[in-house]
C-alpha atoms as a PDB file:
ATOM      1  CA  MET A   1    -279.253 -21.995  14.012  1.00  0.00           C
ATOM      2  CA  GLU A   2    -277.527 -25.230  15.038  1.00  0.00           C
ATOM      3  CA  ASN A   3    -280.846 -26.429  16.451  1.00  0.00           C
ATOM      4  CA  ASP A   4    -282.372 -26.120  12.982  1.00  0.00           C
ATOM      5  CA  LYS A   5    -279.877 -28.655  11.727  1.00  0.00           C
ATOM      6  CA  LEU A   6    -280.709 -31.000  14.608  1.00  0.00           C
ATOM      7  CA  ILE A   7    -284.462 -30.646  14.076  1.00  0.00           C
ATOM      8  CA  GLU A   8    -283.964 -31.393  10.388  1.00  0.00           C
ATOM      9  CA  SER A   9    -282.239 -34.641  11.342  1.00  0.00           C
ATOM     10  CA  PHE A  10    -285.317 -35.635  13.378  1.00  0.00           C
ATOM     11  CA  ILE A  11    -287.549 -35.077  10.357  1.00  0.00           C
ATOM     12  CA  ASP A  12    -285.236 -36.777   7.859  1.00  0.00           C
ATOM     13  CA  TRP A  13    -283.987 -39.821   9.757  1.00  0.00           C
ATOM     14  CA  ASN A  14    -281.266 -40.441   7.200  1.00  0.00           C
ATOM     15  CA  LYS A  15    -279.588 -37.312   8.599  1.00  0.00           C
ATOM     16  CA  PHE A  16    -279.934 -38.332  12.265  1.00  0.00           C
ATOM     17  CA  ASP A  17    -276.621 -38.214  14.148  1.00  0.00           C
ATOM     18  CA  ALA A  18    -276.589 -39.244  17.826  1.00  0.00           C
ATOM     19  CA  ASN A  19    -272.992 -37.983  18.144  1.00  0.00           C
ATOM     20  CA  TYR A  20    -273.980 -34.401  17.345  1.00  0.00           C
ATOM     21  CA  LYS A  21    -272.054 -32.116  19.745  1.00  0.00           C
ATOM     22  CA  ILE A  22    -271.144 -35.082  21.890  1.00  0.00           C
ATOM     23  CA  TYR A  23    -268.067 -33.415  23.372  1.00  0.00           C
ATOM     24  CA  GLU A  24    -270.013 -30.371  24.514  1.00  0.00           C
ATOM     25  CA  ARG A  25    -272.686 -32.610  26.021  1.00  0.00           C
ATOM     26  CA  THR A  26    -270.161 -34.486  28.140  1.00  0.00           C
ATOM     27  CA  GLY A  27    -268.728 -31.349  29.700  1.00  0.00           C
ATOM     28  CA  GLY A  28    -271.425 -30.862  32.338  1.00  0.00           C
ATOM     29  CA  ILE A  29    -274.628 -28.826  32.538  1.00  0.00           C
ATOM     30  CA  THR A  30    -274.340 -25.102  31.909  1.00  0.00           C
ATOM     31  CA  LYS A  31    -276.984 -22.391  31.659  1.00  0.00           C
ATOM     32  CA  GLU A  32    -276.080 -21.975  27.985  1.00  0.00           C
ATOM     33  CA  GLN A  33    -276.890 -25.628  27.376  1.00  0.00           C
ATOM     34  CA  ILE A  34    -280.209 -25.241  29.173  1.00  0.00           C
ATOM     35  CA  GLU A  35    -281.038 -22.295  26.930  1.00  0.00           C
ATOM     36  CA  TRP A  36    -280.062 -24.390  23.913  1.00  0.00           C
ATOM     37  CA  GLU A  37    -282.365 -27.221  25.071  1.00  0.00           C
ATOM     38  CA  VAL A  38    -285.308 -24.889  25.695  1.00  0.00           C
ATOM     39  CA  ASP A  39    -284.956 -23.525  22.172  1.00  0.00           C
ATOM     40  CA  LEU A  40    -284.821 -27.066  20.816  1.00  0.00           C
ATOM     41  CA  TRP A  41    -288.084 -28.054  22.482  1.00  0.00           C
ATOM     42  CA  GLN A  42    -289.722 -24.873  21.232  1.00  0.00           C
ATOM     43  CA  ARG A  43    -288.727 -25.778  17.693  1.00  0.00           C
ATOM     44  CA  HIS A  44    -290.262 -29.210  18.197  1.00  0.00           C
ATOM     45  CA  LEU A  45    -293.600 -27.595  19.012  1.00  0.00           C
ATOM     46  CA  LYS A  46    -293.454 -25.371  15.951  1.00  0.00           C
ATOM     47  CA  LEU A  47    -293.518 -28.472  13.785  1.00  0.00           C
ATOM     48  CA  PHE A  48    -297.133 -29.113  14.824  1.00  0.00           C
ATOM     49  CA  PRO A  49    -300.244 -27.453  13.331  1.00  0.00           C
ATOM     50  CA  VAL A  50    -301.400 -24.407  15.316  1.00  0.00           C
ATOM     51  CA  MET A  51    -304.304 -25.134  17.695  1.00  0.00           C
ATOM     52  CA  ASN A  52    -306.683 -22.380  18.771  1.00  0.00           C
ATOM     53  CA  TYR A  53    -309.283 -23.041  21.476  1.00  0.00           C
ATOM     54  CA  ASP A  54    -311.737 -20.341  20.375  1.00  0.00           C
ATOM     55  CA  GLU A  55    -311.679 -21.444  16.739  1.00  0.00           C
ATOM     56  CA  ILE A  56    -312.196 -25.095  17.640  1.00  0.00           C
ATOM     57  CA  ALA A  57    -314.978 -24.220  20.111  1.00  0.00           C
ATOM     58  CA  ASP A  58    -316.753 -22.142  17.427  1.00  0.00           C
ATOM     59  CA  GLU A  59    -316.495 -25.028  14.954  1.00  0.00           C
ATOM     60  CA  VAL A  60    -317.861 -27.535  17.469  1.00  0.00           C
ATOM     61  CA  ASN A  61    -320.719 -25.212  18.452  1.00  0.00           C
ATOM     62  CA  SER A  62    -321.781 -25.011  14.816  1.00  0.00           C
ATOM     63  CA  TRP A  63    -322.258 -28.786  14.583  1.00  0.00           C
ATOM     64  CA  ASP A  64    -325.737 -30.307  14.578  1.00  0.00           C
ATOM     65  CA  LEU A  65    -325.598 -32.985  17.279  1.00  0.00           C
ATOM     66  CA  SER A  66    -329.369 -33.412  17.580  1.00  0.00           C
ATOM     67  CA  LEU A  67    -331.184 -36.718  17.076  1.00  0.00           C
ATOM     68  CA  PRO A  68    -334.167 -37.179  14.719  1.00  0.00           C
ATOM     69  CA  THR A  69    -337.444 -36.182  16.397  1.00  0.00           C
ATOM     70  CA  PHE A  70    -339.341 -38.832  14.402  1.00  0.00           C
ATOM     71  CA  PHE A  71    -338.280 -42.127  12.885  1.00  0.00           C
ATOM     72  CA  ASN A  72    -337.496 -41.930   9.215  1.00  0.00           C
ATOM     73  CA  PHE A  73    -334.835 -44.045   7.536  1.00  0.00           C
ATOM     74  CA  GLU A  74    -333.622 -41.116   5.428  1.00  0.00           C
ATOM     75  CA  GLU A  75    -333.319 -38.827   8.454  1.00  0.00           C
ATOM     76  CA  VAL A  76    -331.572 -41.518  10.509  1.00  0.00           C
ATOM     77  CA  ALA A  77    -329.124 -42.160   7.664  1.00  0.00           C
ATOM     78  CA  LYS A  78    -328.324 -38.443   7.436  1.00  0.00           C
ATOM     79  CA  THR A  79    -327.836 -38.187  11.198  1.00  0.00           C
ATOM     80  CA  TYR A  80    -325.615 -41.261  11.251  1.00  0.00           C
ATOM     81  CA  ALA A  81    -323.455 -39.964   8.389  1.00  0.00           C
ATOM     82  CA  ARG A  82    -323.215 -36.541  10.025  1.00  0.00           C
ATOM     83  CA  ASN A  83    -322.057 -38.062  13.311  1.00  0.00           C
ATOM     84  CA  ALA A  84    -319.521 -40.228  11.491  1.00  0.00           C
ATOM     85  CA  ASN A  85    -317.994 -37.120   9.875  1.00  0.00           C
ATOM     86  CA  TYR A  86    -317.871 -35.362  13.259  1.00  0.00           C
ATOM     87  CA  LYS A  87    -316.204 -38.419  14.772  1.00  0.00           C
ATOM     88  CA  LEU A  88    -313.438 -38.358  12.157  1.00  0.00           C
ATOM     89  CA  ARG A  89    -312.914 -34.613  12.619  1.00  0.00           C
ATOM     90  CA  VAL A  90    -312.669 -34.946  16.418  1.00  0.00           C
ATOM     91  CA  ALA A  91    -310.225 -37.849  16.077  1.00  0.00           C
ATOM     92  CA  LYS A  92    -307.970 -35.725  13.852  1.00  0.00           C
ATOM     93  CA  LEU A  93    -308.087 -32.722  16.204  1.00  0.00           C
ATOM     94  CA  LEU A  94    -307.467 -34.933  19.252  1.00  0.00           C
ATOM     95  CA  SER A  95    -304.438 -36.455  17.573  1.00  0.00           C
ATOM     96  CA  GLN A  96    -303.016 -33.004  16.833  1.00  0.00           C
ATOM     97  CA  VAL A  97    -303.643 -31.537  20.284  1.00  0.00           C
ATOM     98  CA  LYS A  98    -302.202 -34.628  21.996  1.00  0.00           C
ATOM     99  CA  ASN A  99    -298.962 -33.990  20.122  1.00  0.00           C
ATOM    100  CA  TRP A 100    -298.804 -30.609  21.864  1.00  0.00           C
ATOM    101  CA  THR A 101    -299.781 -31.989  25.281  1.00  0.00           C
ATOM    102  CA  GLU A 102    -297.377 -34.940  25.237  1.00  0.00           C
ATOM    103  CA  THR A 103    -294.500 -32.817  23.929  1.00  0.00           C
ATOM    104  CA  CYS A 104    -295.089 -30.241  26.660  1.00  0.00           C
ATOM    105  CA  GLU A 105    -295.177 -32.985  29.289  1.00  0.00           C
ATOM    106  CA  THR A 106    -291.926 -34.502  28.019  1.00  0.00           C
ATOM    107  CA  ALA A 107    -290.256 -31.086  27.781  1.00  0.00           C
ATOM    108  CA  CYS A 108    -291.286 -30.194  31.353  1.00  0.00           C
ATOM    109  CA  LYS A 109    -289.986 -33.437  32.813  1.00  0.00           C
ATOM    110  CA  TYR A 110    -286.755 -33.432  30.805  1.00  0.00           C
ATOM    111  CA  LEU A 111    -285.867 -29.774  31.294  1.00  0.00           C
ATOM    112  CA  GLU A 112    -286.729 -29.754  34.995  1.00  0.00           C
ATOM    113  CA  GLU A 113    -284.467 -32.721  35.719  1.00  0.00           C
ATOM    114  CA  LEU A 114    -281.715 -31.410  33.453  1.00  0.00           C
ATOM    115  CA  SER A 115    -281.800 -27.889  34.912  1.00  0.00           C
ATOM    116  CA  LEU A 116    -281.118 -29.086  38.458  1.00  0.00           C
ATOM    117  CA  GLY A 117    -277.457 -29.591  37.517  1.00  0.00           C
ATOM    118  CA  ALA A 118    -277.066 -26.019  36.260  1.00  0.00           C
ATOM    119  CA  PHE A 119    -277.869 -24.297  39.572  1.00  0.00           C
ATOM    120  CA  THR A 120    -276.227 -24.134  42.979  1.00  0.00           C
ATOM    121  CA  GLY A 121    -277.776 -23.867  46.431  1.00  0.00           C
ATOM    122  CA  THR A 122    -280.150 -26.051  48.411  1.00  0.00           C
ATOM    123  CA  ALA A 123    -282.319 -28.731  46.809  1.00  0.00           C
ATOM    124  CA  ASN A 124    -285.373 -26.507  47.133  1.00  0.00           C
ATOM    125  CA  ASP A 125    -283.553 -23.598  45.485  1.00  0.00           C
ATOM    126  CA  LYS A 126    -282.518 -25.818  42.584  1.00  0.00           C
ATOM    127  CA  LYS A 127    -286.076 -27.106  42.169  1.00  0.00           C
ATOM    128  CA  SER A 128    -287.498 -23.594  42.160  1.00  0.00           C
ATOM    129  CA  CYS A 129    -285.039 -22.433  39.515  1.00  0.00           C
ATOM    130  CA  ALA A 130    -285.711 -25.518  37.410  1.00  0.00           C
ATOM    131  CA  LYS A 131    -289.461 -24.926  37.557  1.00  0.00           C
ATOM    132  CA  LEU A 132    -288.971 -21.394  36.276  1.00  0.00           C
ATOM    133  CA  ILE A 133    -287.165 -22.858  33.262  1.00  0.00           C
ATOM    134  CA  ILE A 134    -290.190 -24.960  32.309  1.00  0.00           C
ATOM    135  CA  LYS A 135    -292.751 -22.239  33.104  1.00  0.00           C
ATOM    136  CA  PRO A 136    -293.747 -21.470  29.450  1.00  0.00           C
ATOM    137  CA  PHE A 137    -294.308 -25.170  28.731  1.00  0.00           C
ATOM    138  CA  VAL A 138    -296.455 -25.605  31.859  1.00  0.00           C
ATOM    139  CA  HIS A 139    -298.791 -22.771  30.868  1.00  0.00           C
ATOM    140  CA  LEU A 140    -298.918 -23.946  27.272  1.00  0.00           C
ATOM    141  CA  LYS A 141    -299.876 -27.423  28.486  1.00  0.00           C
ATOM    142  CA  VAL A 142    -302.825 -25.894  30.382  1.00  0.00           C
ATOM    143  CA  GLN A 143    -304.157 -24.484  27.113  1.00  0.00           C
ATOM    144  CA  THR A 144    -303.647 -27.735  25.195  1.00  0.00           C
ATOM    145  CA  LEU A 145    -305.537 -29.599  27.934  1.00  0.00           C
ATOM    146  CA  ARG A 146    -308.459 -27.156  27.571  1.00  0.00           C
ATOM    147  CA  ILE A 147    -308.768 -28.130  23.919  1.00  0.00           C
ATOM    148  CA  GLU A 148    -308.285 -31.814  24.699  1.00  0.00           C
ATOM    149  CA  ASN A 149    -311.007 -31.790  27.366  1.00  0.00           C
ATOM    150  CA  LEU A 150    -313.434 -30.026  25.022  1.00  0.00           C
ATOM    151  CA  LEU A 151    -312.828 -32.562  22.261  1.00  0.00           C
ATOM    152  CA  LYS A 152    -313.164 -35.523  24.627  1.00  0.00           C
ATOM    153  CA  GLU A 153    -316.544 -34.272  25.846  1.00  0.00           C
ATOM    154  CA  ILE A 154    -317.758 -33.770  22.275  1.00  0.00           C
ATOM    155  CA  ASN A 155    -316.416 -37.195  21.333  1.00  0.00           C
ATOM    156  CA  GLY A 156    -318.441 -38.712  24.187  1.00  0.00           C
ATOM    157  CA  CYS A 157    -321.566 -36.914  22.968  1.00  0.00           C
ATOM    158  CA  ILE A 158    -321.075 -38.181  19.417  1.00  0.00           C
ATOM    159  CA  THR A 159    -320.555 -41.732  20.701  1.00  0.00           C
ATOM    160  CA  PHE A 160    -323.771 -41.482  22.735  1.00  0.00           C
ATOM    161  CA  ASN A 161    -325.703 -40.266  19.683  1.00  0.00           C
ATOM    162  CA  THR A 162    -324.337 -43.108  17.555  1.00  0.00           C
ATOM    163  CA  ASP A 163    -325.254 -45.699  20.191  1.00  0.00           C
ATOM    164  CA  ARG A 164    -328.744 -44.214  20.498  1.00  0.00           C
ATOM    165  CA  ILE A 165    -329.254 -44.373  16.727  1.00  0.00           C
ATOM    166  CA  ASN A 166    -328.103 -47.999  16.723  1.00  0.00           C
ATOM    167  CA  SER A 167    -330.582 -48.778  19.511  1.00  0.00           C
ATOM    168  CA  ILE A 168    -333.419 -47.148  17.574  1.00  0.00           C
ATOM    169  CA  LEU A 169    -332.555 -49.135  14.439  1.00  0.00           C
ATOM    170  CA  ILE A 170    -332.381 -52.415  16.379  1.00  0.00           C
ATOM    171  CA  GLN A 171    -335.744 -51.677  18.015  1.00  0.00           C
ATOM    172  CA  LYS A 172    -337.402 -50.813  14.707  1.00  0.00           C
ATOM    173  CA  GLN A 173    -335.869 -53.871  13.064  1.00  0.00           C
ATOM    174  CA  SER A 174    -337.258 -56.098  15.820  1.00  0.00           C
ATOM    175  CA  GLU A 175    -340.700 -54.518  15.452  1.00  0.00           C
ATOM    176  CA  ALA A 176    -340.597 -55.038  11.689  1.00  0.00           C
ATOM    177  CA  LYS A 177    -339.642 -58.707  12.098  1.00  0.00           C
ATOM    178  CA  LEU A 178    -342.452 -59.234  14.612  1.00  0.00           C
ATOM    179  CA  ASN A 179    -345.010 -57.554  12.354  1.00  0.00           C
ATOM    180  CA  TYR A 180    -343.850 -59.636   9.393  1.00  0.00           C
ATOM    181  CA  LYS A 181    -344.111 -62.834  11.434  1.00  0.00           C
ATOM    182  CA  LEU A 182    -347.599 -61.948  12.634  1.00  0.00           C
ATOM    183  CA  MET A 183    -348.638 -61.187   9.078  1.00  0.00           C
ATOM    184  CA  GLN A 184    -347.282 -64.535   7.886  1.00  0.00           C
ATOM    185  CA  ASP A 185    -349.021 -66.373  10.740  1.00  0.00           C
ATOM    186  CA  GLY A 186    -352.292 -64.692   9.826  1.00  0.00           C
ATOM    187  CA  GLU A 187    -351.988 -65.685   6.186  1.00  0.00           C
ATOM    188  CA  SER A 188    -350.988 -69.209   7.175  1.00  0.00           C
ATOM    189  CA  SER A 189    -354.127 -69.581   9.318  1.00  0.00           C
ATOM    190  CA  TYR A 190    -356.252 -68.335   6.446  1.00  0.00           C
ATOM    191  CA  TYR A 191    -354.826 -70.837   3.976  1.00  0.00           C
ATOM    192  CA  ASP A 192    -354.938 -73.704   6.483  1.00  0.00           C
ATOM    193  CA  ALA A 193    -358.696 -73.219   6.769  1.00  0.00           C
ATOM    194  CA  ASN A 194    -359.188 -73.592   3.027  1.00  0.00           C
ATOM    195  CA  GLU A 195    -356.720 -76.305   2.110  1.00  0.00           C
ATOM    196  CA  ALA A 196    -356.527 -80.037   2.815  1.00  0.00           C
ATOM    197  CA  ILE A 197    -354.105 -81.090   5.550  1.00  0.00           C
ATOM    198  CA  GLU A 198    -352.139 -84.300   5.114  1.00  0.00           C
ATOM    199  CA  ASP A 199    -351.015 -86.046   8.311  1.00  0.00           C
ATOM    200  CA  GLU A 200    -349.109 -89.275   7.718  1.00  0.00           C
ATOM    201  CA  ASP A 201    -351.541 -91.603   5.857  1.00  0.00           C
ATOM    202  CA  ASP A 202    -354.751 -89.729   6.637  1.00  0.00           C
ATOM    203  CA  ILE A 203    -356.084 -86.805   4.705  1.00  0.00           C
ATOM    204  CA  PHE A 204    -358.309 -84.322   6.484  1.00  0.00           C
ATOM    205  CA  LEU A 205    -360.442 -82.261   4.196  1.00  0.00           C
ATOM    206  CA  PRO A 206    -361.348 -78.727   5.204  1.00  0.00           C
ATOM    207  CA  VAL A 207    -364.776 -78.265   6.713  1.00  0.00           C
ATOM    208  CA  ASN A 208    -367.210 -76.477   4.470  1.00  0.00           C
ATOM    209  CA  LYS A 209    -368.141 -73.351   6.360  1.00  0.00           C
ATOM    210  CA  LYS A 210    -371.728 -73.438   5.058  1.00  0.00           C
ATOM    211  CA  ASN A 211    -372.325 -77.006   6.200  1.00  0.00           C
ATOM    212  CA  HIS A 212    -370.270 -76.719   9.391  1.00  0.00           C
ATOM    213  CA  GLY A 213    -372.421 -77.890  12.323  1.00  0.00           C
ATOM    214  CA  HIS A 214    -375.329 -79.241  10.062  1.00  0.00           C
ATOM    215  CA  LYS A 215    -376.048 -82.823   9.103  1.00  0.00           C
ATOM    216  CA  SER A 216    -376.567 -83.868   5.509  1.00  0.00           C
ATOM    217  CA  LYS A 217    -379.891 -85.227   4.267  1.00  0.00           C
ATOM    218  CA  ASN A 218    -378.476 -88.771   4.126  1.00  0.00           C
ATOM    219  CA  GLN A 219    -377.354 -88.516   7.779  1.00  0.00           C
ATOM    220  CA  ARG A 220    -380.835 -87.543   9.019  1.00  0.00           C
END
């Protein structure tokens, strides 16, 4: 249970002691020390929340990642909020599973290099024995990568949906601005035809539509 004490010092940094078992660590690599290190890395992994591929896949499959079939501000708002919640959930799960992946990668590299000093024989023999030491971590890493790949694909899908919603909103906003401008221009033309126009010192009165194109009696 000495590893429990060491793990506790990693959690509570006030208890961290880099000199822990320093004399044993300077005596050379033994198989007992390798076993001690493997147990230590295993205890590191047990600090993380449990990840289960099937459970995460079932949760993701239950999500509604569809886009609105017709434009409606209420529907778009609901879709946007839904995707935002999914994005946060995926970010949390990705953070957790990356802890597993990165710890497995570090454990594999560290233990493989360390184990070479505990075996005798040719270089290839030492490498083979060292790889057997890290075998559980290699297979565990395969499973963590399955979850990571699934979450990355879903994250990409959510990002695409969000971008598409933004594009729809920008398009509709542009159409609304154009329609408003056209409406204003139409009203402006209407009022210009019925109001006097002042240009510098001259005043141009609007033409009476009834008399437009006809001369007055005094002009005949």
